[in-house]
Amino acid sequence: MTAANKNSRVVVLKYMFTIQELEEDASLILDLKEDVREECSTLGEVTNVVLYDVSFIAPHRTDSKPLLR
């Protein structure tokens, strides 16, 4: 592990936007990235801001078998 990795911090922010909001305003993602960078930089150096939607509908299972093997 390098010194940079050892001293880095990760912040996870959830539920900041919906797919519907992005469909209505494509520039929203850029505005959010800028806002997050600006706010987080008050606490220290910000090296990267990544925004992505991770929402999905999990498949409904009636058995107890694992989804992955």
PDB file of N, CA and C in Angstrom:
ATOM      1  N   MET A   1       0.849  -1.176   0.000  1.00  0.00           N
ATOM      2  CA  MET A   1       0.000   0.000   0.000  1.00  0.00           C
ATOM      3  C   MET A   1       0.892   1.234   0.000  1.00  0.00           C
ATOM      4  N   THR A   2       0.634   2.161  -0.892  1.00  0.00           N
ATOM      5  CA  THR A   2       1.428   3.382  -0.956  1.00  0.00           C
ATOM      6  C   THR A   2       0.956   4.376   0.090  1.00  0.00           C
ATOM      7  N   ALA A   3       1.781   5.377   0.330  1.00  0.00           N
ATOM      8  CA  ALA A   3       1.431   6.406   1.320  1.00  0.00           C
ATOM      9  C   ALA A   3       0.160   7.141   0.911  1.00  0.00           C
ATOM     10  N   ALA A   4      -0.005   7.368  -0.392  1.00  0.00           N
ATOM     11  CA  ALA A   4      -1.202   8.067  -0.867  1.00  0.00           C
ATOM     12  C   ALA A   4      -2.459   7.260  -0.567  1.00  0.00           C
ATOM     13  N   ASN A   5      -2.405   5.945  -0.780  1.00  0.00           N
ATOM     14  CA  ASN A   5      -3.558   5.093  -0.492  1.00  0.00           C
ATOM     15  C   ASN A   5      -3.822   4.998   1.002  1.00  0.00           C
ATOM     16  N   LYS A   6      -2.760   4.932   1.783  1.00  0.00           N
ATOM     17  CA  LYS A   6      -2.887   4.799   3.227  1.00  0.00           C
ATOM     18  C   LYS A   6      -3.572   6.017   3.841  1.00  0.00           C
ATOM     19  N   ASN A   7      -3.334   7.189   3.293  1.00  0.00           N
ATOM     20  CA  ASN A   7      -3.879   8.425   3.843  1.00  0.00           C
ATOM     21  C   ASN A   7      -5.135   8.902   3.135  1.00  0.00           C
ATOM     22  N   SER A   8      -5.622   8.155   2.172  1.00  0.00           N
ATOM     23  CA  SER A   8      -6.802   8.602   1.426  1.00  0.00           C
ATOM     24  C   SER A   8      -8.081   8.278   2.192  1.00  0.00           C
ATOM     25  N   ARG A   9      -9.120   8.994   1.879  1.00  0.00           N
ATOM     26  CA  ARG A   9     -10.429   8.805   2.485  1.00  0.00           C
ATOM     27  C   ARG A   9     -11.461   8.698   1.376  1.00  0.00           C
ATOM     28  N   VAL A  10     -12.476   7.914   1.631  1.00  0.00           N
ATOM     29  CA  VAL A  10     -13.561   7.736   0.672  1.00  0.00           C
ATOM     30  C   VAL A  10     -14.860   8.115   1.363  1.00  0.00           C
ATOM     31  N   VAL A  11     -15.662   8.896   0.679  1.00  0.00           N
ATOM     32  CA  VAL A  11     -16.975   9.294   1.184  1.00  0.00           C
ATOM     33  C   VAL A  11     -18.015   8.784   0.203  1.00  0.00           C
ATOM     34  N   VAL A  12     -19.021   8.092   0.705  1.00  0.00           N
ATOM     35  CA  VAL A  12     -20.096   7.583  -0.145  1.00  0.00           C
ATOM     36  C   VAL A  12     -21.364   8.352   0.203  1.00  0.00           C
ATOM     37  N   LEU A  13     -21.908   9.033  -0.770  1.00  0.00           N
ATOM     38  CA  LEU A  13     -23.152   9.782  -0.606  1.00  0.00           C
ATOM     39  C   LEU A  13     -24.225   9.086  -1.423  1.00  0.00           C
ATOM     40  N   LYS A  14     -25.316   8.722  -0.788  1.00  0.00           N
ATOM     41  CA  LYS A  14     -26.381   7.997  -1.474  1.00  0.00           C
ATOM     42  C   LYS A  14     -27.614   8.867  -1.643  1.00  0.00           C
ATOM     43  N   TYR A  15     -28.434   8.485  -2.602  1.00  0.00           N
ATOM     44  CA  TYR A  15     -29.746   9.085  -2.826  1.00  0.00           C
ATOM     45  C   TYR A  15     -29.668  10.580  -3.133  1.00  0.00           C
ATOM     46  N   MET A  16     -28.684  10.974  -3.902  1.00  0.00           N
ATOM     47  CA  MET A  16     -28.532  12.381  -4.267  1.00  0.00           C
ATOM     48  C   MET A  16     -29.338  12.742  -5.510  1.00  0.00           C
ATOM     49  N   PHE A  17     -29.678  11.748  -6.317  1.00  0.00           N
ATOM     50  CA  PHE A  17     -30.440  12.002  -7.532  1.00  0.00           C
ATOM     51  C   PHE A  17     -31.148  10.728  -7.947  1.00  0.00           C
ATOM     52  N   THR A  18     -32.123  10.909  -8.819  1.00  0.00           N
ATOM     53  CA  THR A  18     -32.842   9.766  -9.381  1.00  0.00           C
ATOM     54  C   THR A  18     -32.617   9.744 -10.887  1.00  0.00           C
ATOM     55  N   ILE A  19     -32.864   8.610 -11.474  1.00  0.00           N
ATOM     56  CA  ILE A  19     -32.761   8.497 -12.933  1.00  0.00           C
ATOM     57  C   ILE A  19     -33.741   9.460 -13.601  1.00  0.00           C
ATOM     58  N   GLN A  20     -34.914   9.604 -13.034  1.00  0.00           N
ATOM     59  CA  GLN A  20     -35.917  10.522 -13.590  1.00  0.00           C
ATOM     60  C   GLN A  20     -35.381  11.957 -13.613  1.00  0.00           C
ATOM     61  N   GLU A  21     -34.713  12.382 -12.540  1.00  0.00           N
ATOM     62  CA  GLU A  21     -34.142  13.726 -12.498  1.00  0.00           C
ATOM     63  C   GLU A  21     -33.072  13.894 -13.574  1.00  0.00           C
ATOM     64  N   LEU A  22     -32.265  12.868 -13.785  1.00  0.00           N
ATOM     65  CA  LEU A  22     -31.237  12.946 -14.824  1.00  0.00           C
ATOM     66  C   LEU A  22     -31.847  12.984 -16.218  1.00  0.00           C
ATOM     67  N   GLU A  23     -32.927  12.249 -16.409  1.00  0.00           N
ATOM     68  CA  GLU A  23     -33.608  12.269 -17.708  1.00  0.00           C
ATOM     69  C   GLU A  23     -34.209  13.643 -17.989  1.00  0.00           C
ATOM     70  N   GLU A  24     -34.683  14.311 -16.945  1.00  0.00           N
ATOM     71  CA  GLU A  24     -35.284  15.635 -17.097  1.00  0.00           C
ATOM     72  C   GLU A  24     -34.235  16.727 -17.304  1.00  0.00           C
ATOM     73  N   ASP A  25     -33.046  16.560 -16.716  1.00  0.00           N
ATOM     74  CA  ASP A  25     -31.991  17.572 -16.795  1.00  0.00           C
ATOM     75  C   ASP A  25     -30.633  16.886 -16.885  1.00  0.00           C
ATOM     76  N   ALA A  26     -30.127  16.744 -18.091  1.00  0.00           N
ATOM     77  CA  ALA A  26     -28.869  16.027 -18.316  1.00  0.00           C
ATOM     78  C   ALA A  26     -27.671  16.740 -17.681  1.00  0.00           C
ATOM     79  N   SER A  27     -27.764  18.040 -17.459  1.00  0.00           N
ATOM     80  CA  SER A  27     -26.645  18.773 -16.864  1.00  0.00           C
ATOM     81  C   SER A  27     -26.584  18.601 -15.344  1.00  0.00           C
ATOM     82  N   LEU A  28     -27.575  17.953 -14.768  1.00  0.00           N
ATOM     83  CA  LEU A  28     -27.623  17.761 -13.318  1.00  0.00           C
ATOM     84  C   LEU A  28     -26.383  17.049 -12.800  1.00  0.00           C
ATOM     85  N   ILE A  29     -25.894  16.051 -13.502  1.00  0.00           N
ATOM     86  CA  ILE A  29     -24.744  15.280 -13.036  1.00  0.00           C
ATOM     87  C   ILE A  29     -23.504  16.167 -12.910  1.00  0.00           C
ATOM     88  N   LEU A  30     -23.314  17.076 -13.843  1.00  0.00           N
ATOM     89  CA  LEU A  30     -22.173  17.988 -13.772  1.00  0.00           C
ATOM     90  C   LEU A  30     -22.311  18.961 -12.609  1.00  0.00           C
ATOM     91  N   ASP A  31     -23.518  19.460 -12.397  1.00  0.00           N
ATOM     92  CA  ASP A  31     -23.766  20.365 -11.273  1.00  0.00           C
ATOM     93  C   ASP A  31     -23.535  19.661  -9.940  1.00  0.00           C
ATOM     94  N   LEU A  32     -23.984  18.428  -9.830  1.00  0.00           N
ATOM     95  CA  LEU A  32     -23.792  17.673  -8.593  1.00  0.00           C
ATOM     96  C   LEU A  32     -22.313  17.422  -8.314  1.00  0.00           C
ATOM     97  N   LYS A  33     -21.566  17.049  -9.359  1.00  0.00           N
ATOM     98  CA  LYS A  33     -20.134  16.814  -9.183  1.00  0.00           C
ATOM     99  C   LYS A  33     -19.436  18.073  -8.682  1.00  0.00           C
ATOM    100  N   GLU A  34     -19.777  19.191  -9.271  1.00  0.00           N
ATOM    101  CA  GLU A  34     -19.171  20.458  -8.861  1.00  0.00           C
ATOM    102  C   GLU A  34     -19.546  20.802  -7.418  1.00  0.00           C
ATOM    103  N   ASP A  35     -20.813  20.622  -7.069  1.00  0.00           N
ATOM    104  CA  ASP A  35     -21.271  20.908  -5.703  1.00  0.00           C
ATOM    105  C   ASP A  35     -20.592  20.005  -4.677  1.00  0.00           C
ATOM    106  N   VAL A  36     -20.484  18.718  -4.986  1.00  0.00           N
ATOM    107  CA  VAL A  36     -19.844  17.774  -4.069  1.00  0.00           C
ATOM    108  C   VAL A  36     -18.375  18.130  -3.891  1.00  0.00           C
ATOM    109  N   ARG A  37     -17.691  18.411  -4.985  1.00  0.00           N
ATOM    110  CA  ARG A  37     -16.268  18.777  -4.905  1.00  0.00           C
ATOM    111  C   ARG A  37     -16.092  20.033  -4.051  1.00  0.00           C
ATOM    112  N   GLU A  38     -16.922  21.031  -4.281  1.00  0.00           N
ATOM    113  CA  GLU A  38     -16.825  22.292  -3.547  1.00  0.00           C
ATOM    114  C   GLU A  38     -17.059  22.080  -2.048  1.00  0.00           C
ATOM    115  N   GLU A  39     -18.096  21.346  -1.699  1.00  0.00           N
ATOM    116  CA  GLU A  39     -18.396  21.110  -0.287  1.00  0.00           C
ATOM    117  C   GLU A  39     -17.328  20.264   0.398  1.00  0.00           C
ATOM    118  N   CYS A  40     -16.888  19.211  -0.265  1.00  0.00           N
ATOM    119  CA  CYS A  40     -15.884  18.323   0.336  1.00  0.00           C
ATOM    120  C   CYS A  40     -14.528  19.003   0.454  1.00  0.00           C
ATOM    121  N   SER A  41     -14.223  19.918  -0.436  1.00  0.00           N
ATOM    122  CA  SER A  41     -12.925  20.588  -0.389  1.00  0.00           C
ATOM    123  C   SER A  41     -12.799  21.484   0.839  1.00  0.00           C
ATOM    124  N   THR A  42     -13.895  21.804   1.506  1.00  0.00           N
ATOM    125  CA  THR A  42     -13.802  22.573   2.746  1.00  0.00           C
ATOM    126  C   THR A  42     -13.194  21.727   3.868  1.00  0.00           C
ATOM    127  N   LEU A  43     -13.188  20.402   3.675  1.00  0.00           N
ATOM    128  CA  LEU A  43     -12.649  19.491   4.686  1.00  0.00           C
ATOM    129  C   LEU A  43     -11.243  19.002   4.349  1.00  0.00           C
ATOM    130  N   GLY A  44     -10.801  19.237   3.132  1.00  0.00           N
ATOM    131  CA  GLY A  44      -9.467  18.783   2.725  1.00  0.00           C
ATOM    132  C   GLY A  44      -9.383  18.651   1.221  1.00  0.00           C
ATOM    133  N   GLU A  45      -8.258  18.113   0.748  1.00  0.00           N
ATOM    134  CA  GLU A  45      -8.021  17.953  -0.680  1.00  0.00           C
ATOM    135  C   GLU A  45      -8.961  16.907  -1.269  1.00  0.00           C
ATOM    136  N   VAL A  46      -9.558  17.232  -2.393  1.00  0.00           N
ATOM    137  CA  VAL A  46     -10.429  16.306  -3.121  1.00  0.00           C
ATOM    138  C   VAL A  46      -9.692  15.906  -4.386  1.00  0.00           C
ATOM    139  N   THR A  47      -9.447  14.606  -4.538  1.00  0.00           N
ATOM    140  CA  THR A  47      -8.703  14.144  -5.705  1.00  0.00           C
ATOM    141  C   THR A  47      -9.600  13.613  -6.811  1.00  0.00           C
ATOM    142  N   ASN A  48     -10.810  13.187  -6.462  1.00  0.00           N
ATOM    143  CA  ASN A  48     -11.693  12.619  -7.480  1.00  0.00           C
ATOM    144  C   ASN A  48     -13.127  12.632  -6.980  1.00  0.00           C
ATOM    145  N   VAL A  49     -14.052  12.917  -7.882  1.00  0.00           N
ATOM    146  CA  VAL A  49     -15.481  12.840  -7.581  1.00  0.00           C
ATOM    147  C   VAL A  49     -16.112  11.970  -8.660  1.00  0.00           C
ATOM    148  N   VAL A  50     -16.763  10.901  -8.237  1.00  0.00           N
ATOM    149  CA  VAL A  50     -17.411   9.984  -9.167  1.00  0.00           C
ATOM    150  C   VAL A  50     -18.865   9.856  -8.757  1.00  0.00           C
ATOM    151  N   LEU A  51     -19.760  10.080  -9.677  1.00  0.00           N
ATOM    152  CA  LEU A  51     -21.187   9.917  -9.421  1.00  0.00           C
ATOM    153  C   LEU A  51     -21.731   8.851 -10.350  1.00  0.00           C
ATOM    154  N   TYR A  52     -22.484   7.941  -9.783  1.00  0.00           N
ATOM    155  CA  TYR A  52     -23.149   6.947 -10.607  1.00  0.00           C
ATOM    156  C   TYR A  52     -24.368   6.425  -9.874  1.00  0.00           C
ATOM    157  N   ASP A  53     -25.301   5.930 -10.638  1.00  0.00           N
ATOM    158  CA  ASP A  53     -26.534   5.394 -10.072  1.00  0.00           C
ATOM    159  C   ASP A  53     -26.348   3.897  -9.882  1.00  0.00           C
ATOM    160  N   VAL A  54     -26.605   3.417  -8.696  1.00  0.00           N
ATOM    161  CA  VAL A  54     -26.464   1.993  -8.419  1.00  0.00           C
ATOM    162  C   VAL A  54     -27.806   1.361  -8.082  1.00  0.00           C
ATOM    163  N   SER A  55     -28.883   2.070  -8.372  1.00  0.00           N
ATOM    164  CA  SER A  55     -30.190   1.507  -8.047  1.00  0.00           C
ATOM    165  C   SER A  55     -30.539   0.407  -9.050  1.00  0.00           C
ATOM    166  N   PHE A  56     -31.159  -0.607  -8.566  1.00  0.00           N
ATOM    167  CA  PHE A  56     -31.605  -1.700  -9.413  1.00  0.00           C
ATOM    168  C   PHE A  56     -32.720  -2.425  -8.686  1.00  0.00           C
ATOM    169  N   ILE A  57     -33.444  -3.214  -9.429  1.00  0.00           N
ATOM    170  CA  ILE A  57     -34.501  -4.031  -8.839  1.00  0.00           C
ATOM    171  C   ILE A  57     -33.948  -5.436  -8.696  1.00  0.00           C
ATOM    172  N   ALA A  58     -33.831  -5.885  -7.476  1.00  0.00           N
ATOM    173  CA  ALA A  58     -33.304  -7.224  -7.230  1.00  0.00           C
ATOM    174  C   ALA A  58     -34.313  -8.265  -7.690  1.00  0.00           C
ATOM    175  N   PRO A  59     -33.849  -9.347  -8.279  1.00  0.00           N
ATOM    176  CA  PRO A  59     -34.781 -10.389  -8.716  1.00  0.00           C
ATOM    177  C   PRO A  59     -35.473 -11.029  -7.518  1.00  0.00           C
ATOM    178  N   HIS A  60     -36.716 -11.325  -7.692  1.00  0.00           N
ATOM    179  CA  HIS A  60     -37.484 -11.958  -6.624  1.00  0.00           C
ATOM    180  C   HIS A  60     -37.179 -13.449  -6.619  1.00  0.00           C
ATOM    181  N   ARG A  61     -36.769 -13.952  -5.468  1.00  0.00           N
ATOM    182  CA  ARG A  61     -36.425 -15.372  -5.353  1.00  0.00           C
ATOM    183  C   ARG A  61     -37.395 -16.048  -4.396  1.00  0.00           C
ATOM    184  N   THR A  62     -37.850 -17.204  -4.786  1.00  0.00           N
ATOM    185  CA  THR A  62     -38.736 -17.974  -3.905  1.00  0.00           C
ATOM    186  C   THR A  62     -37.988 -19.090  -3.198  1.00  0.00           C
ATOM    187  N   ASP A  63     -36.750 -19.350  -3.665  1.00  0.00           N
ATOM    188  CA  ASP A  63     -35.943 -20.378  -3.012  1.00  0.00           C
ATOM    189  C   ASP A  63     -34.786 -19.710  -2.257  1.00  0.00           C
ATOM    190  N   SER A  64     -34.017 -20.479  -1.559  1.00  0.00           N
ATOM    191  CA  SER A  64     -32.917 -19.915  -0.775  1.00  0.00           C
ATOM    192  C   SER A  64     -31.564 -20.141  -1.441  1.00  0.00           C
ATOM    193  N   LYS A  65     -31.552 -20.510  -2.703  1.00  0.00           N
ATOM    194  CA  LYS A  65     -30.286 -20.748  -3.409  1.00  0.00           C
ATOM    195  C   LYS A  65     -29.566 -19.417  -3.637  1.00  0.00           C
ATOM    196  N   PRO A  66     -28.247 -19.410  -3.527  1.00  0.00           N
ATOM    197  CA  PRO A  66     -27.508 -18.166  -3.764  1.00  0.00           C
ATOM    198  C   PRO A  66     -27.595 -17.762  -5.233  1.00  0.00           C
ATOM    199  N   LEU A  67     -27.549 -16.441  -5.479  1.00  0.00           N
ATOM    200  CA  LEU A  67     -27.583 -15.940  -6.842  1.00  0.00           C
ATOM    201  C   LEU A  67     -26.261 -16.173  -7.565  1.00  0.00           C
ATOM    202  N   LEU A  68     -25.154 -16.127  -6.804  1.00  0.00           N
ATOM    203  CA  LEU A  68     -23.826 -16.330  -7.378  1.00  0.00           C
ATOM    204  C   LEU A  68     -23.198 -17.568  -6.766  1.00  0.00           C
ATOM    205  N   ARG A  69     -22.420 -18.253  -7.547  1.00  0.00           N
ATOM    206  CA  ARG A  69     -21.714 -19.431  -7.039  1.00  0.00           C
ATOM    207  C   ARG A  69     -20.243 -19.236  -7.170  1.00  0.00           C
TER     208      ARG A  69
END
